[in-house]
Protein backbone atom coordinates (compact mmCIF):
# COMPACT_ATOMS: atom_id res chain seq x y z
CA MET A 1 0.00 0.00 0.00
CA PRO A 2 1.48 3.39 -0.94
CA ASP A 3 2.48 6.09 1.51
CA ILE A 4 -0.36 8.50 2.19
CA ASP A 5 -0.14 12.27 1.98
CA PHE A 6 -2.63 13.13 4.69
CA SER A 7 -3.25 16.55 3.20
CA SER A 8 -5.11 14.64 0.48
CA LEU A 9 -7.42 13.13 3.06
CA SER A 10 -9.13 16.44 3.86
CA PRO A 11 -12.73 16.84 2.71
CA ILE A 12 -13.15 17.54 -0.99
CA THR A 13 -15.37 20.57 -0.63
CA GLU A 14 -13.60 23.69 0.58
CA PRO A 15 -14.54 24.67 4.16
CA GLY A 16 -15.57 28.09 2.88
CA ILE A 17 -18.19 26.53 0.61
CA ALA A 18 -19.56 24.40 3.45
CA ILE A 19 -19.79 27.41 5.75
CA LEU A 20 -21.46 29.49 3.05
CA VAL A 21 -24.10 26.83 2.34
CA ALA A 22 -24.78 26.37 6.06
CA LEU A 23 -25.18 30.15 6.55
CA LEU A 24 -27.50 30.42 3.57
CA ALA A 25 -29.63 27.58 4.93
CA CYS A 26 -29.86 29.28 8.32
CA LEU A 27 -30.60 32.63 6.73
CA LEU A 28 -33.44 31.11 4.74
CA ALA A 29 -34.83 29.53 7.91
CA PHE A 30 -34.75 32.88 9.71
CA VAL A 31 -36.02 35.13 6.93
CA TRP A 32 -38.65 32.84 5.40
CA PRO A 33 -39.33 30.08 7.95
CA LYS A 34 -42.83 28.99 7.01
CA GLY A 35 -42.41 29.39 3.27
CA SER A 36 -39.09 27.56 3.13
CA GLU A 37 -40.49 24.70 5.19
CA ARG A 38 -43.44 24.41 2.83
CA VAL A 39 -41.13 24.24 -0.18
CA PHE A 40 -38.80 21.66 1.30
CA ARG A 41 -41.58 19.53 2.74
CA ALA A 42 -43.26 19.53 -0.65
CA VAL A 43 -40.17 17.71 -1.91
CA GLU A 44 -39.62 15.55 1.16
CA ARG A 45 -43.21 14.38 1.62
CA PRO A 46 -43.41 12.34 -1.63
CA LEU A 47 -40.02 10.78 -0.84
CA SER A 48 -41.25 9.85 2.64
CA ARG A 49 -44.37 8.26 1.19
CA PHE A 50 -42.23 6.36 -1.29
CA ALA A 51 -39.87 5.15 1.47
CA ALA A 52 -42.86 3.78 3.37
CA HIS A 53 -43.12 1.09 0.68
CA LYS A 54 -40.26 -0.81 2.25
CA ILE A 55 -39.62 -3.52 -0.33
CA LEU A 56 -39.87 -1.02 -3.16
CA ALA A 57 -37.38 1.27 -1.40
CA VAL A 58 -34.87 -1.57 -1.04
CA VAL A 59 -35.19 -2.62 -4.68
CA THR A 60 -35.02 0.98 -5.89
CA ILE A 61 -31.78 1.80 -4.08
CA PHE A 62 -30.18 -1.34 -5.55
CA PHE A 63 -31.00 -0.40 -9.14
CA ALA A 64 -30.32 3.29 -8.54
CA VAL A 65 -26.72 2.54 -7.54
CA LEU A 66 -26.25 0.46 -10.68
CA ALA A 67 -27.80 3.13 -12.91
CA VAL A 68 -25.93 6.11 -11.47
CA ARG A 69 -22.52 4.44 -11.46
CA LEU A 70 -22.95 3.12 -15.00
CA ALA A 71 -24.11 6.55 -16.16
CA LEU A 72 -20.89 8.02 -14.77
CA LEU A 73 -18.61 5.62 -16.69
CA PRO A 74 -17.63 8.35 -19.20
CA LEU A 75 -16.21 10.31 -16.24
CA VAL A 76 -15.16 7.61 -13.76
CA GLN A 77 -14.17 4.62 -15.82
CA VAL A 78 -13.94 0.94 -14.96
CA PRO A 79 -11.04 0.79 -12.48
CA THR A 80 -7.59 -0.46 -13.37
CA PRO A 81 -5.92 -2.49 -10.58
CA GLY A 82 -2.77 -1.01 -9.13
CA ILE A 83 -2.49 -1.98 -5.45
CA HIS A 84 -0.90 -5.29 -4.46
CA ASP A 85 -4.02 -6.49 -2.67
CA GLU A 86 -6.21 -5.89 -5.72
CA PHE A 87 -4.14 -8.24 -7.87
CA SER A 88 -4.26 -10.91 -5.18
CA TYR A 89 -8.05 -10.65 -4.97
CA LEU A 90 -8.27 -10.82 -8.77
CA LEU A 91 -6.18 -14.00 -8.69
CA LEU A 92 -8.64 -15.42 -6.16
CA GLY A 93 -11.57 -14.44 -8.36
CA ASP A 94 -9.95 -15.96 -11.44
CA THR A 95 -9.22 -19.16 -9.50
CA VAL A 96 -12.85 -19.48 -8.42
CA ALA A 97 -14.03 -18.66 -11.95
CA HIS A 98 -11.91 -21.60 -13.15
CA GLY A 99 -13.87 -23.85 -10.77
CA ARG A 100 -11.23 -24.41 -8.12
CA LEU A 101 -10.04 -22.95 -4.80
CA ALA A 102 -6.29 -23.18 -5.40
CA ASN A 103 -3.83 -23.79 -8.21
CA PRO A 104 -0.79 -26.08 -8.45
CA THR A 105 2.59 -24.53 -7.72
CA HIS A 106 4.29 -23.52 -10.95
CA VAL A 107 7.68 -25.06 -11.67
CA MET A 108 9.06 -21.57 -12.42
CA TRP A 109 7.39 -20.00 -9.36
CA ARG A 110 10.44 -17.96 -8.38
CA SER A 111 10.06 -15.80 -11.49
CA PHE A 112 6.41 -15.15 -10.62
CA GLU A 113 6.73 -14.64 -6.86
CA THR A 114 4.86 -11.52 -5.76
CA PHE A 115 3.01 -9.82 -2.90
CA HIS A 116 0.10 -11.41 -1.01
CA VAL A 117 0.26 -14.60 -3.06
CA LEU A 118 1.15 -18.06 -1.78
CA TRP A 119 3.27 -20.51 -3.79
CA PHE A 120 3.48 -23.40 -1.35
CA PRO A 121 1.83 -25.78 -0.95
CA THR A 122 -0.38 -24.21 -3.65
CA TYR A 123 -0.48 -21.12 -5.86
CA ALA A 124 -3.28 -19.02 -4.34
CA SER A 125 -4.29 -15.69 -2.85
CA LYS A 126 -3.80 -15.27 0.89
CA TYR A 127 -7.22 -13.66 1.38
CA PRO A 128 -10.57 -15.10 2.55
CA PRO A 129 -12.80 -16.21 -0.32
CA ALA A 130 -15.87 -13.91 -0.14
CA GLN A 131 -14.46 -11.01 -2.17
CA GLY A 132 -12.95 -13.46 -4.62
CA ALA A 133 -16.34 -15.11 -5.12
CA VAL A 134 -17.84 -11.71 -5.97
CA LEU A 135 -15.07 -11.01 -8.47
CA ALA A 136 -15.52 -14.49 -9.96
CA LEU A 137 -19.21 -13.77 -10.47
CA GLY A 138 -18.31 -10.54 -12.21
CA GLN A 139 -15.72 -12.30 -14.37
CA LEU A 140 -18.28 -14.87 -15.46
CA LEU A 141 -20.66 -12.02 -16.34
CA GLY A 142 -17.99 -10.29 -18.43
CA HIS A 143 -15.62 -8.41 -16.11
CA PRO A 144 -14.59 -8.70 -12.42
CA TRP A 145 -15.73 -5.12 -11.77
CA ILE A 146 -19.32 -6.18 -12.45
CA GLY A 147 -19.06 -8.16 -9.21
CA VAL A 148 -17.83 -5.05 -7.39
CA LEU A 149 -20.73 -3.03 -8.82
CA LEU A 150 -23.33 -5.62 -7.80
CA SER A 151 -21.88 -5.99 -4.30
CA ALA A 152 -21.92 -2.22 -3.74
CA ALA A 153 -25.55 -1.98 -4.86
CA ALA A 154 -26.46 -4.93 -2.62
CA MET A 155 -24.70 -3.23 0.30
CA CYS A 156 -26.83 -0.08 -0.02
CA ALA A 157 -30.03 -2.12 -0.37
CA ALA A 158 -29.08 -4.15 2.73
CA ILE A 159 -28.41 -0.95 4.71
CA VAL A 160 -31.91 0.32 3.90
CA TRP A 161 -33.45 -3.05 4.79
CA MET A 162 -31.47 -3.30 8.03
CA LEU A 163 -32.32 0.21 9.26
CA GLN A 164 -36.00 -0.22 8.43
CA ALA A 165 -36.05 -2.50 11.47
CA TRP A 166 -34.33 0.08 13.70
CA MET A 167 -35.87 3.43 12.71
CA PRO A 168 -38.67 4.94 10.58
CA ALA A 169 -38.58 3.85 6.96
CA ARG A 170 -37.93 7.33 5.52
CA TRP A 171 -34.79 7.71 7.62
CA ALA A 172 -33.61 4.23 6.71
CA PHE A 173 -33.99 5.15 3.06
CA LEU A 174 -32.03 8.36 3.60
CA ALA A 175 -29.20 6.37 5.22
CA GLY A 176 -29.05 4.11 2.18
CA VAL A 177 -28.98 7.11 -0.14
CA LEU A 178 -26.15 8.72 1.83
CA ALA A 179 -24.18 5.46 1.78
CA ALA A 180 -24.73 5.16 -1.96
CA ILE A 181 -23.51 8.69 -2.62
CA LYS A 182 -20.52 8.45 -0.31
CA LEU A 183 -19.32 4.89 -1.00
CA CYS A 184 -20.55 4.02 -4.50
CA ILE A 185 -19.40 6.86 -6.76
CA VAL A 186 -15.91 8.12 -5.88
CA CYS A 187 -14.66 5.67 -3.29
CA TYR A 188 -12.17 2.83 -3.63
CA TRP A 189 -14.89 0.45 -2.41
CA MET A 190 -16.54 0.91 -5.80
CA ASN A 191 -13.52 1.87 -7.89
CA SER A 192 -11.05 -0.85 -7.00
CA TYR A 193 -11.04 -4.60 -6.38
CA TRP A 194 -10.02 -4.32 -2.74
CA GLY A 195 -13.42 -4.90 -1.17
CA GLY A 196 -15.49 -3.38 1.61
CA ALA A 197 -19.01 -3.72 0.25
CA VAL A 198 -19.20 -7.49 0.84
CA ALA A 199 -18.49 -7.26 4.59
CA ALA A 200 -20.75 -4.19 4.88
CA PHE A 201 -23.56 -6.14 3.21
CA ALA A 202 -23.05 -9.02 5.64
CA GLY A 203 -23.11 -6.74 8.69
CA ALA A 204 -26.38 -5.18 7.56
CA LEU A 205 -27.85 -8.64 6.91
CA VAL A 206 -27.03 -9.78 10.44
CA LEU A 207 -28.44 -6.72 12.23
CA GLY A 208 -31.52 -6.48 10.01
CA ALA A 209 -32.37 -10.12 10.64
CA LEU A 210 -31.63 -9.86 14.37
CA ALA A 211 -33.97 -6.92 14.96
CA ARG A 212 -36.82 -8.71 13.18
CA ILE A 213 -36.16 -12.02 14.94
CA LEU A 214 -36.47 -10.36 18.34
CA ARG A 215 -39.97 -9.24 17.36
CA ARG A 216 -41.22 -12.15 15.28
CA PRO A 217 -38.84 -15.04 14.54
CA THR A 218 -39.14 -16.88 11.24
CA ILE A 219 -37.02 -19.47 9.49
CA THR A 220 -36.33 -17.03 6.64
CA LEU A 221 -34.89 -14.46 9.05
CA SER A 222 -32.82 -17.15 10.73
CA VAL A 223 -31.36 -18.16 7.38
CA LEU A 224 -30.50 -14.53 6.61
CA LEU A 225 -28.84 -14.16 10.01
CA GLY A 226 -26.78 -17.29 9.42
CA LEU A 227 -25.79 -16.22 5.90
CA GLY A 228 -24.68 -12.81 7.19
CA ILE A 229 -22.44 -14.43 9.79
CA ALA A 230 -21.08 -16.85 7.19
CA ILE A 231 -20.16 -14.01 4.82
CA LEU A 232 -18.49 -12.09 7.66
CA ALA A 233 -16.44 -15.18 8.51
CA ASN A 234 -15.25 -15.35 4.91
CA SER A 235 -14.64 -11.65 4.33
CA ARG A 236 -13.53 -9.98 7.60
CA PRO A 237 -13.20 -12.89 10.06
CA TYR A 238 -11.33 -10.95 12.76
CA GLU A 239 -13.58 -7.89 12.85
CA GLY A 240 -16.58 -10.13 12.18
CA LEU A 241 -15.90 -12.03 15.39
CA PHE A 242 -16.03 -8.83 17.47
CA PHE A 243 -19.12 -7.77 15.54
CA CYS A 244 -20.93 -11.01 16.37
CA LEU A 245 -20.12 -11.15 20.09
CA PRO A 246 -22.80 -8.61 21.16
CA VAL A 247 -25.21 -10.16 18.64
CA ALA A 248 -24.69 -13.59 20.21
CA PHE A 249 -25.24 -12.15 23.70
CA VAL A 250 -28.54 -10.48 22.76
CA LEU A 251 -29.73 -13.57 20.91
CA LEU A 252 -28.88 -15.83 23.86
CA ARG A 253 -30.66 -13.47 26.23
CA TRP A 254 -33.73 -13.57 24.00
CA ILE A 255 -33.65 -17.38 23.79
CA LEU A 256 -33.52 -17.76 27.57
CA GLY A 257 -36.00 -14.97 28.27
CA LYS A 258 -39.60 -14.30 27.40
CA THR A 259 -41.65 -11.81 25.42
CA LYS A 260 -45.18 -10.47 25.78
CA TYR A 261 -46.28 -13.56 23.82
CA GLY A 262 -44.70 -15.94 26.34
CA ARG A 263 -41.37 -17.72 26.72
CA THR A 264 -39.24 -18.04 23.61
CA TRP A 265 -37.93 -21.48 24.51
CA PRO A 266 -38.35 -23.97 22.98
CA GLN A 267 -40.54 -23.40 19.90
CA PRO A 268 -39.69 -19.81 18.76
CA ALA A 269 -36.05 -20.23 19.75
CA LEU A 270 -35.60 -23.51 17.89
CA ARG A 271 -37.01 -21.82 14.80
CA VAL A 272 -33.99 -19.53 15.01
CA VAL A 273 -31.28 -21.70 16.51
CA LEU A 274 -31.51 -24.74 14.27
CA PRO A 275 -31.19 -22.93 10.89
CA VAL A 276 -28.36 -20.76 12.21
CA LEU A 277 -26.50 -23.79 13.59
CA VAL A 278 -26.91 -25.67 10.32
CA ILE A 279 -25.55 -22.72 8.32
CA LEU A 280 -22.67 -22.16 10.74
CA LEU A 281 -21.75 -25.85 10.62
CA ALA A 282 -21.75 -25.75 6.82
CA THR A 283 -19.68 -22.56 6.95
CA PHE A 284 -17.05 -24.06 9.25
CA LEU A 285 -16.85 -27.18 7.10
CA PHE A 286 -16.41 -25.07 3.98
CA MET A 287 -13.75 -22.90 5.64
CA GLY A 288 -11.89 -26.01 6.75
CA TYR A 289 -12.10 -27.44 3.24
CA TYR A 290 -10.94 -24.14 1.73
CA ASN A 291 -8.01 -23.98 4.13
CA TRP A 292 -7.10 -27.59 3.36
CA ARG A 293 -7.18 -27.01 -0.40
CA VAL A 294 -4.97 -23.92 -0.11
CA THR A 295 -2.62 -24.57 2.82
CA GLY A 296 -2.88 -28.33 3.27
CA SER A 297 -4.43 -28.03 6.74
CA PRO A 298 -8.08 -27.36 7.60
CA PHE A 299 -6.95 -25.41 10.66
CA VAL A 300 -4.50 -23.04 8.97
CA PRO A 301 -6.06 -20.18 6.94
CA PRO A 302 -4.12 -18.86 3.95
CA PHE A 303 -3.41 -15.48 5.57
CA VAL A 304 -1.74 -17.29 8.50
CA THR A 305 0.49 -19.22 6.11
CA ALA A 306 1.31 -15.97 4.29
CA ALA A 307 2.17 -14.29 7.60
CA HIS A 308 4.56 -17.09 8.54
CA THR A 309 6.12 -17.17 5.07
CA TYR A 310 6.50 -13.50 4.22
CA GLU A 311 5.29 -11.05 6.86
CA ARG A 312 7.63 -10.51 9.77
CA PHE A 313 6.00 -7.43 11.32
CA ALA A 314 3.55 -7.51 14.23
CA ASN A 315 -0.21 -7.72 13.78
CA PHE A 316 -1.11 -6.12 17.13
CA ILE A 317 0.33 -3.08 18.84
CA TRP A 318 1.60 -5.07 21.84
CA GLN A 319 3.57 -7.52 19.70
CA LYS A 320 7.17 -7.29 18.59
CA PRO A 321 8.13 -7.93 14.96
CA ALA A 322 9.78 -11.22 14.11
CA PRO A 323 13.41 -11.31 12.90
CA MET A 324 13.93 -10.29 9.30
CA ILE A 325 14.24 -12.84 6.54
CA HIS A 326 15.62 -12.44 3.04
CA TYR A 327 13.46 -12.66 -0.06
CA ASN A 328 14.03 -13.87 -3.59
CA ASN A 329 13.78 -10.45 -5.24
CA GLN A 330 14.69 -6.87 -4.45
CA GLU A 331 11.14 -5.48 -4.52
CA MET A 332 9.88 -7.81 -1.80
CA GLU A 333 13.06 -7.24 0.18
CA LEU A 334 12.45 -3.48 0.22
CA PHE A 335 8.73 -3.79 0.88
CA TYR A 336 8.85 -6.24 3.79
CA ASN A 337 12.19 -5.48 5.42
CA GLU A 338 12.16 -1.69 5.10
CA TRP A 339 8.84 -0.06 4.29
CA ALA A 340 6.48 -2.49 6.05
CA ARG A 341 8.62 -2.79 9.17
CA SER A 342 8.87 0.98 9.54
CA ASN A 343 5.17 1.58 8.80
CA TYR A 344 3.65 -1.35 10.68
CA THR A 345 5.93 -1.70 13.68
CA ARG A 346 3.67 -0.33 16.40
CA THR A 347 4.03 -0.04 20.16
CA TRP A 348 1.94 1.27 23.02
CA ASP A 349 4.07 4.41 22.84
CA THR A 350 2.95 5.04 19.26
CA LEU A 351 -0.72 4.25 19.92
CA GLU A 352 -1.73 7.89 19.61
CA ASP A 353 -0.03 8.31 16.23
CA VAL A 354 -1.47 5.04 14.97
CA SER A 355 -4.96 6.06 16.06
CA VAL A 356 -4.68 9.44 14.35
CA ASP A 357 -3.56 7.65 11.19
CA LYS A 358 -6.63 5.43 11.28
CA LEU A 359 -9.01 8.29 12.04
CA TYR A 360 -7.69 10.24 9.05
CA ARG A 361 -8.30 7.32 6.73
CA CYS A 362 -11.73 6.50 8.12
CA GLN A 363 -12.96 10.09 7.94
CA ALA A 364 -11.95 10.19 4.29
CA VAL A 365 -14.13 7.16 3.52
CA TYR A 366 -17.13 7.47 5.84
CA THR A 367 -17.54 11.19 6.52
CA TRP A 368 -17.64 14.56 4.83
CA LEU A 369 -17.00 18.06 6.11
CA ALA A 370 -20.67 19.01 6.55
CA LEU A 371 -21.16 16.31 9.18
CA LEU A 372 -19.74 18.79 11.65
CA LEU A 373 -23.17 20.39 11.47
CA VAL A 374 -24.84 17.31 12.98
CA LEU A 375 -22.63 17.22 16.08
CA PRO A 376 -25.39 18.80 18.24
CA GLY A 377 -27.67 15.93 17.23
CA LEU A 378 -25.08 13.35 18.26
CA LEU A 379 -25.31 14.58 21.84
CA PHE A 380 -28.84 13.21 22.07
CA LEU A 381 -28.13 9.69 20.84
CA TYR A 382 -27.96 8.44 24.42
CA ARG A 383 -31.73 8.89 24.60
CA ASP A 384 -32.30 6.26 21.94
CA LYS A 385 -32.42 2.88 23.65
CA ARG A 386 -32.35 0.95 20.39
CA MET A 387 -29.27 2.84 19.17
CA ARG A 388 -27.34 1.90 22.30
CA PHE A 389 -27.01 -1.70 21.19
CA LEU A 390 -25.75 -0.62 17.77
CA LEU A 391 -23.25 1.69 19.46
CA VAL A 392 -21.99 -1.24 21.56
CA ILE A 393 -21.32 -3.24 18.40
CA LEU A 394 -19.59 -0.22 16.89
CA LEU A 395 -17.35 0.12 19.94
CA PHE A 396 -16.47 -3.60 19.87
CA VAL A 397 -15.38 -3.43 16.23
CA LEU A 398 -13.49 -0.15 16.71
CA LEU A 399 -11.64 -1.70 19.66
CA ALA A 400 -10.61 -4.62 17.46
CA TYR A 401 -9.54 -2.18 14.75
CA PHE A 402 -7.50 0.16 16.91
CA VAL A 403 -5.39 -2.55 18.57
CA THR A 404 -4.14 -3.86 15.23
CA THR A 405 -1.34 -2.40 13.16
CA TRP A 406 -3.41 -2.31 9.98
CA PRO A 407 -5.03 1.08 9.22
CA ASN A 408 -7.30 0.58 6.21
CA PRO A 409 -10.90 1.85 6.54
CA HIS A 410 -12.55 -1.16 4.92
CA TYR A 411 -11.46 -3.27 7.89
CA ILE A 412 -14.42 -1.84 9.84
CA ALA A 413 -16.79 -2.40 6.91
CA PRO A 414 -19.15 -4.66 8.94
CA VAL A 415 -20.34 -1.61 10.93
CA THR A 416 -21.00 0.57 7.86
CA CYS A 417 -24.76 0.26 8.39
CA ILE A 418 -24.33 1.43 11.98
CA LEU A 419 -22.22 4.43 10.98
CA PHE A 420 -24.82 5.68 8.52
CA GLY A 421 -27.58 4.84 10.99
CA VAL A 422 -25.85 7.03 13.57
CA ILE A 423 -25.55 9.85 11.02
CA VAL A 424 -29.25 9.91 10.14
CA GLN A 425 -30.29 9.46 13.78
CA ALA A 426 -28.23 12.52 14.66
CA MET A 427 -29.91 14.34 11.78
CA ARG A 428 -33.30 13.38 13.21
CA HIS A 429 -32.39 15.04 16.50
CA LEU A 430 -30.91 18.01 14.68
CA ARG A 431 -34.18 18.61 12.82
CA GLN A 432 -35.97 19.09 16.14
CA MET A 433 -33.73 21.99 17.12
CA ARG A 434 -35.14 25.46 16.73
CA LEU A 435 -33.60 28.86 17.38
CA TRP A 436 -36.01 31.68 18.20
CA LYS A 437 -38.75 29.38 16.87
CA ARG A 438 -36.97 29.14 13.53
CA PRO A 439 -36.36 25.67 11.97
CA VAL A 440 -32.58 26.04 11.97
CA GLY A 441 -31.93 22.36 12.69
CA ALA A 442 -34.02 21.25 9.72
CA ALA A 443 -32.20 23.73 7.49
CA LEU A 444 -28.80 22.44 8.62
CA SER A 445 -29.81 18.79 8.09
CA ARG A 446 -30.71 19.62 4.49
CA ALA A 447 -27.40 21.43 4.05
CA VAL A 448 -25.60 18.25 5.15
CA VAL A 449 -27.18 16.25 2.33
CA LEU A 450 -26.66 19.03 -0.23
CA LEU A 451 -23.00 19.39 0.65
CA LEU A 452 -22.40 15.64 0.30
CA ILE A 453 -23.89 15.74 -3.19
CA LEU A 454 -21.73 18.76 -4.02
CA ASP A 455 -18.70 17.07 -2.47
CA VAL A 456 -18.98 13.89 -4.53
CA SER A 457 -20.05 15.64 -7.75
CA GLN A 458 -17.04 17.92 -7.54
CA PHE A 459 -14.67 14.96 -7.30
CA ALA A 460 -16.46 12.78 -9.86
CA ALA A 461 -16.05 15.58 -12.41
CA THR A 462 -12.26 15.18 -12.13
CA GLY A 463 -12.49 11.56 -13.31
CA TYR A 464 -10.60 10.11 -10.35
CA GLY A 465 -12.12 7.21 -8.48
CA ASP A 466 -11.07 7.90 -4.91
CA PRO A 467 -9.93 10.94 -2.89
CA MET A 468 -7.06 8.92 -1.39
CA GLY A 469 -5.84 7.72 -4.77
CA TRP A 470 -6.67 4.08 -4.03
CA GLY A 471 -9.15 3.55 -6.81
CA GLY A 472 -9.37 3.87 -10.55
CA GLY A 473 -5.93 4.89 -11.81
CA GLY A 474 -3.89 1.74 -11.38
CA LEU A 475 -0.94 0.75 -13.57
CA GLN A 476 -2.14 2.21 -16.86
CA ARG A 477 1.05 1.41 -18.76
CA ARG A 478 0.78 -2.25 -17.76
CA VAL A 479 -2.78 -2.30 -19.08
CA GLU A 480 -1.65 -0.73 -22.36
CA ILE A 481 0.99 -3.41 -22.84
CA GLN A 482 -1.47 -6.16 -21.90
CA LYS A 483 -3.97 -4.90 -24.50
CA GLN A 484 -1.25 -4.52 -27.13
CA LEU A 485 -0.04 -8.09 -26.68
CA ASP A 486 -3.58 -9.46 -26.43
CA HIS A 487 -4.06 -8.24 -30.00
CA THR A 488 -0.67 -9.52 -31.16
CA PRO A 489 -0.66 -13.06 -32.63
CA GLY A 490 0.83 -15.84 -30.57
CA LYS A 491 1.61 -16.15 -26.86
CA HIS A 492 3.89 -13.78 -24.99
CA LEU A 493 6.25 -13.70 -22.02
CA VAL A 494 6.99 -10.25 -20.55
CA ILE A 495 10.05 -10.01 -18.31
CA VAL A 496 9.80 -6.99 -16.03
CA ASN A 497 12.98 -5.10 -15.18
CA TYR A 498 12.77 -2.56 -12.35
CA GLU A 499 16.14 -0.87 -12.78
CA GLY A 500 15.79 2.90 -12.54
CA VAL A 501 13.31 4.97 -10.55
CA HIS A 502 10.58 2.60 -9.42
CA SER A 503 8.30 2.26 -6.40
CA PHE A 504 7.83 -1.25 -5.06
CA HIS A 505 4.17 -0.30 -4.54
CA ASP A 506 3.77 -0.39 -8.33
CA GLU A 507 4.09 -4.12 -8.83
CA TRP A 508 3.75 -5.41 -12.41
CA VAL A 509 4.30 -9.13 -11.86
CA TYR A 510 0.88 -10.68 -11.34
CA ASN A 511 -0.70 -13.50 -13.30
CA GLY A 512 -3.99 -15.35 -13.47
CA ALA A 513 -4.90 -18.77 -12.16
CA ASP A 514 -3.74 -20.62 -15.30
CA ILE A 515 -0.27 -19.24 -15.99
CA ASP A 516 0.67 -21.65 -18.76
CA GLY A 517 -2.65 -21.11 -20.51
CA SER A 518 -2.47 -17.31 -20.40
CA LYS A 519 -1.81 -15.40 -23.59
CA VAL A 520 0.45 -12.97 -21.70
CA VAL A 521 2.64 -14.08 -18.79
CA TRP A 522 4.41 -11.55 -16.54
CA ALA A 523 7.71 -12.54 -14.87
CA ARG A 524 10.54 -10.92 -12.92
CA ASP A 525 13.95 -10.20 -14.31
CA LEU A 526 16.04 -12.34 -11.96
CA GLY A 527 19.28 -12.43 -13.86
CA PRO A 528 20.66 -14.38 -16.84
CA GLU A 529 20.49 -17.90 -15.42
CA GLN A 530 16.92 -17.76 -14.11
CA ASN A 531 15.77 -15.86 -17.19
CA ALA A 532 17.32 -18.51 -19.44
CA ASN A 533 15.49 -21.27 -17.56
CA LEU A 534 12.25 -19.30 -17.82
CA ILE A 535 12.62 -18.69 -21.57
CA ASN A 536 13.52 -22.32 -22.12
CA TYR A 537 10.34 -23.36 -20.30
CA PHE A 538 8.18 -21.02 -22.43
CA LYS A 539 9.74 -22.00 -25.77
CA ASP A 540 6.56 -21.28 -27.71
CA ARG A 541 6.31 -17.66 -26.62
CA THR A 542 7.60 -14.35 -27.92
CA VAL A 543 9.76 -12.91 -25.16
CA TRP A 544 9.66 -9.21 -24.29
CA ILE A 545 11.27 -7.03 -21.69
CA VAL A 546 9.69 -3.94 -20.16
CA LYS A 547 11.81 -1.41 -18.31
CA ALA A 548 9.27 -0.50 -15.63
CA GLY A 549 11.75 1.73 -13.81
CA ILE A 550 12.32 3.97 -16.81
CA GLU A 551 10.00 6.77 -17.83
CA SER A 552 7.21 5.58 -20.19
CA ALA A 553 8.25 1.94 -19.41
CA PRO A 554 9.37 0.97 -22.95
CA LEU A 555 8.58 -2.51 -24.24
CA ALA A 556 11.15 -4.28 -26.44
CA HIS A 557 12.04 -7.74 -27.65
CA PHE A 558 14.19 -9.56 -25.11
CA THR A 559 17.83 -10.26 -25.89
CA GLU A 560 20.62 -11.70 -23.78
CA ASP A 561 21.91 -8.18 -23.19
CA SER A 562 18.48 -6.85 -22.12
CA SER A 563 18.74 -7.92 -18.51
CA SER A 564 20.82 -5.91 -16.10
CA ALA A 565 19.39 -7.57 -13.01
CA PRO A 566 21.74 -9.41 -10.66
CA PRO A 567 21.47 -13.20 -10.54
CA ALA A 568 18.62 -14.52 -8.41
CA PRO A 569 19.67 -15.45 -4.85
């Protein structure tokens, strides 16, 4: 992951614009209170009536996300992968699309060794399979990004459905709209292959089913609850565990307690417990099988094997990094032994700096500048008994997040529905606030929505897919070469040479699940001997060399004098 310039994480809209819009909204509320309310309510009332049709609202937000994002393709195009993790997820998706969970180790694996990919005992991604399954679906439909698009739309629909069980339908619909605008237009969740939406969808599924089960348990709701937990276990297992602990406590309390209709045990409870247990058993069996296919042991997940093989830095702030090891190429040596150790070596003494780092990243994804206007409404959340439980889950997941060394915002994706629920609940309280009998709170709540639209529209017009630079751009030159060789007769081997000015964050050497069957294969320049073995193995291919460390990364036919890399260790 590249170094972050935190100046780029500030809100898109200038503070002056936000202040101006807020002042204009307040001025309108003071000067023309009754008239302005009539105008705005004339717009809001039909939307509220529409949101009352709950199923229609859920379906509409799903298709609206698809329509809006597809309409913006001329501005914000289909993303090009560029971050290490994206390529690993795409490998996982391609593997699943080929009908398998792992691939055999390639005989020339050393030339293909790269970040976040296992080579022993199998060739596979180190990540859990949920995001890969979504990308595989997209690949089968024509392109992996179709899976990203569908998962993002499903996330917003699930947020609306979940919050319909926790608050009035019109506010649940507003939360889904805000999530769609913030996360599904110019955000790396939509404009990369890194993920986020899948775990967010699962979290909403769990909490939406739970709230309904506590009122009227059905087998359908139990199945949805179990599926949500299963997806969490296969997308964000660590954060998902903390997410599910309060859920399990409330469910157990309900099972052992009683409602106004009588005791829940045994009949109503069994209607919930049995389907959930069946789904969880199937989930654990699948996870064990997946682990066995990838790592050779049902009890060792791929990311654990990857940590033992490649990653020597600590996962939690109280841990010490393991001793350094040496890698088979210079790029991995620099990434793991220098950059990663300096960026992810955390201690209790650096907890404050680590937390600030995480807050910066999370505010860039989940918030916008105008949310400062709803702070007065947040002060009244303690009055909402139903929100307290959601806040407990939020605190559990944030605790899990802040004690790890990893700072990425999509790690707390399971609580996305809660975050947007908190935002709209604060807006509900804000709307009740009046100043000298003027509807100032209502005016400010509308300014919050308007400024988010302005915020996102302003950035979408630039054509970039993410304010932090994590989505959309990618390695464009690599894509150009891939397209050029795809349209060139025959099969091709591209040897990548990094001599010159090159960032190890811009990794070119990634391949699909079927390396030998690929039209274009990407390999490292590891010196004359290893290159000769590689070329001898791929006798039927035209061999090229790309100088990725030189400006414009020229592509040329490979010769014995092309390589200036030292021999492979």
